[in-house]
Amino acid sequence: MIGHLSAYERETIIRWSDAEKRAEVYTCDKKLMRILDGMIADGKDVVLEKDDPLWPSKEYNLPKVWVKIRPPRVMSEAERKEQTD
């Protein structure tokens, strides 16, 4: 492996088009790689497309419907109180 990447260099890029049903994920994030590799081991619909032995990155292919962008959940004061009781 060629050195260590700074936090700024450890990027994740997710690509897809409207015409395709699958997304491509390029990542240098070790945690995300472990998650996606675990999905592969569990028989989920994730394909490892590229594992570069010289650079700490991997490329995966997965269903694009799995890619979600969600704002964080904001709990009301009543919900917070209910959780602590």
C-alpha atoms as a PDB file:
ATOM      1  CA  MET A   1       0.000   0.000   0.000  1.00  0.00           C
ATOM      2  CA  ILE A   2       1.288   3.476  -0.818  1.00  0.00           C
ATOM      3  CA  GLY A   3       1.423   5.363   2.485  1.00  0.00           C
ATOM      4  CA  HIS A   4      -1.482   6.552   4.528  1.00  0.00           C
ATOM      5  CA  LEU A   5      -4.134   8.917   3.285  1.00  0.00           C
ATOM      6  CA  SER A   6      -5.097  12.030   5.212  1.00  0.00           C
ATOM      7  CA  ALA A   7      -8.702  12.411   6.342  1.00  0.00           C
ATOM      8  CA  TYR A   8      -9.183  14.855   3.473  1.00  0.00           C
ATOM      9  CA  GLU A   9      -7.963  12.265   0.942  1.00  0.00           C
ATOM     10  CA  ARG A  10     -10.142   9.414   2.278  1.00  0.00           C
ATOM     11  CA  GLU A  11     -13.117  10.080   0.054  1.00  0.00           C
ATOM     12  CA  THR A  12     -16.214   8.149  -0.932  1.00  0.00           C
ATOM     13  CA  ILE A  13     -17.833   8.713  -4.312  1.00  0.00           C
ATOM     14  CA  ILE A  14     -21.251   7.295  -5.209  1.00  0.00           C
ATOM     15  CA  ARG A  15     -22.308   7.385  -8.870  1.00  0.00           C
ATOM     16  CA  TRP A  16     -25.434   6.324 -10.721  1.00  0.00           C
ATOM     17  CA  SER A  17     -27.525   7.371 -13.672  1.00  0.00           C
ATOM     18  CA  ASP A  18     -31.280   7.465 -14.132  1.00  0.00           C
ATOM     19  CA  ALA A  19     -30.952   4.751 -16.778  1.00  0.00           C
ATOM     20  CA  GLU A  20     -29.231   2.262 -14.447  1.00  0.00           C
ATOM     21  CA  LYS A  21     -30.630   0.275 -11.533  1.00  0.00           C
ATOM     22  CA  ARG A  22     -27.250  -0.042  -9.814  1.00  0.00           C
ATOM     23  CA  ALA A  23     -24.867   2.409  -8.186  1.00  0.00           C
ATOM     24  CA  GLU A  24     -21.082   2.417  -8.162  1.00  0.00           C
ATOM     25  CA  VAL A  25     -19.330   3.162  -4.877  1.00  0.00           C
ATOM     26  CA  TYR A  26     -15.640   4.111  -4.756  1.00  0.00           C
ATOM     27  CA  THR A  27     -14.320   4.449  -1.224  1.00  0.00           C
ATOM     28  CA  CYS A  28     -11.139   4.853   0.799  1.00  0.00           C
ATOM     29  CA  ASP A  29     -13.154   4.630   4.050  1.00  0.00           C
ATOM     30  CA  LYS A  30     -12.059   1.475   5.897  1.00  0.00           C
ATOM     31  CA  LYS A  31     -15.280   1.316   7.931  1.00  0.00           C
ATOM     32  CA  LEU A  32     -17.448   1.464   4.799  1.00  0.00           C
ATOM     33  CA  MET A  33     -15.237  -1.175   3.128  1.00  0.00           C
ATOM     34  CA  ARG A  34     -15.772  -3.505   6.133  1.00  0.00           C
ATOM     35  CA  ILE A  35     -19.538  -2.954   5.948  1.00  0.00           C
ATOM     36  CA  LEU A  36     -19.710  -3.625   2.191  1.00  0.00           C
ATOM     37  CA  ASP A  37     -17.318  -6.607   2.411  1.00  0.00           C
ATOM     38  CA  GLY A  38     -19.533  -8.004   5.193  1.00  0.00           C
ATOM     39  CA  MET A  39     -22.578  -7.659   2.946  1.00  0.00           C
ATOM     40  CA  ILE A  40     -20.740  -9.597   0.233  1.00  0.00           C
ATOM     41  CA  ALA A  41     -19.849 -12.320   2.758  1.00  0.00           C
ATOM     42  CA  ASP A  42     -23.518 -12.478   3.833  1.00  0.00           C
ATOM     43  CA  GLY A  43     -24.607 -13.027   0.224  1.00  0.00           C
ATOM     44  CA  LYS A  44     -26.157  -9.581  -0.239  1.00  0.00           C
ATOM     45  CA  ASP A  45     -26.405  -8.055  -3.725  1.00  0.00           C
ATOM     46  CA  VAL A  46     -23.045  -6.232  -3.554  1.00  0.00           C
ATOM     47  CA  VAL A  47     -20.244  -6.867  -6.042  1.00  0.00           C
ATOM     48  CA  LEU A  48     -16.605  -5.958  -5.437  1.00  0.00           C
ATOM     49  CA  GLU A  49     -15.514  -4.475  -8.763  1.00  0.00           C
ATOM     50  CA  LYS A  50     -11.966  -3.410  -7.912  1.00  0.00           C
ATOM     51  CA  ASP A  51      -9.596  -3.895  -4.977  1.00  0.00           C
ATOM     52  CA  ASP A  52      -6.407  -1.983  -5.677  1.00  0.00           C
ATOM     53  CA  PRO A  53      -3.485  -3.540  -3.759  1.00  0.00           C
ATOM     54  CA  LEU A  54      -1.374  -0.398  -4.259  1.00  0.00           C
ATOM     55  CA  TRP A  55      -3.929   2.136  -3.062  1.00  0.00           C
ATOM     56  CA  PRO A  56      -6.213   1.874  -0.017  1.00  0.00           C
ATOM     57  CA  SER A  57      -9.477   1.913  -1.958  1.00  0.00           C
ATOM     58  CA  LYS A  58     -12.155  -0.388  -3.323  1.00  0.00           C
ATOM     59  CA  GLU A  59     -14.953  -0.073  -5.854  1.00  0.00           C
ATOM     60  CA  TYR A  60     -18.318  -1.761  -5.387  1.00  0.00           C
ATOM     61  CA  ASN A  61     -21.545  -2.153  -7.361  1.00  0.00           C
ATOM     62  CA  LEU A  62     -24.883  -2.325  -5.539  1.00  0.00           C
ATOM     63  CA  PRO A  63     -28.599  -1.614  -6.081  1.00  0.00           C
ATOM     64  CA  LYS A  64     -29.087   2.135  -6.288  1.00  0.00           C
ATOM     65  CA  VAL A  65     -32.303   1.914  -4.229  1.00  0.00           C
ATOM     66  CA  TRP A  66     -30.034   1.118  -1.260  1.00  0.00           C
ATOM     67  CA  VAL A  67     -28.488   4.591  -1.420  1.00  0.00           C
ATOM     68  CA  LYS A  68     -30.399   6.894   0.921  1.00  0.00           C
ATOM     69  CA  ILE A  69     -29.929  10.497   1.944  1.00  0.00           C
ATOM     70  CA  ARG A  70     -31.797  11.291   5.134  1.00  0.00           C
ATOM     71  CA  PRO A  71     -31.626  14.232   7.491  1.00  0.00           C
ATOM     72  CA  PRO A  72     -31.080  13.321  11.139  1.00  0.00           C
ATOM     73  CA  ARG A  73     -34.190  12.591  13.154  1.00  0.00           C
ATOM     74  CA  VAL A  74     -35.174  15.426  15.465  1.00  0.00           C
ATOM     75  CA  MET A  75     -36.934  14.224  18.566  1.00  0.00           C
ATOM     76  CA  SER A  76     -39.583  16.339  20.215  1.00  0.00           C
ATOM     77  CA  GLU A  77     -39.297  17.154  23.908  1.00  0.00           C
ATOM     78  CA  ALA A  78     -42.115  14.661  24.606  1.00  0.00           C
ATOM     79  CA  GLU A  79     -40.297  11.871  22.714  1.00  0.00           C
ATOM     80  CA  ARG A  80     -37.065  12.615  24.576  1.00  0.00           C
ATOM     81  CA  LYS A  81     -38.881  12.526  27.914  1.00  0.00           C
ATOM     82  CA  GLU A  82     -40.613   9.251  26.976  1.00  0.00           C
ATOM     83  CA  GLN A  83     -37.257   7.629  26.172  1.00  0.00           C
ATOM     84  CA  THR A  84     -35.723   8.605  29.499  1.00  0.00           C
ATOM     85  CA  ASP A  85     -38.680   7.346  31.562  1.00  0.00           C
END
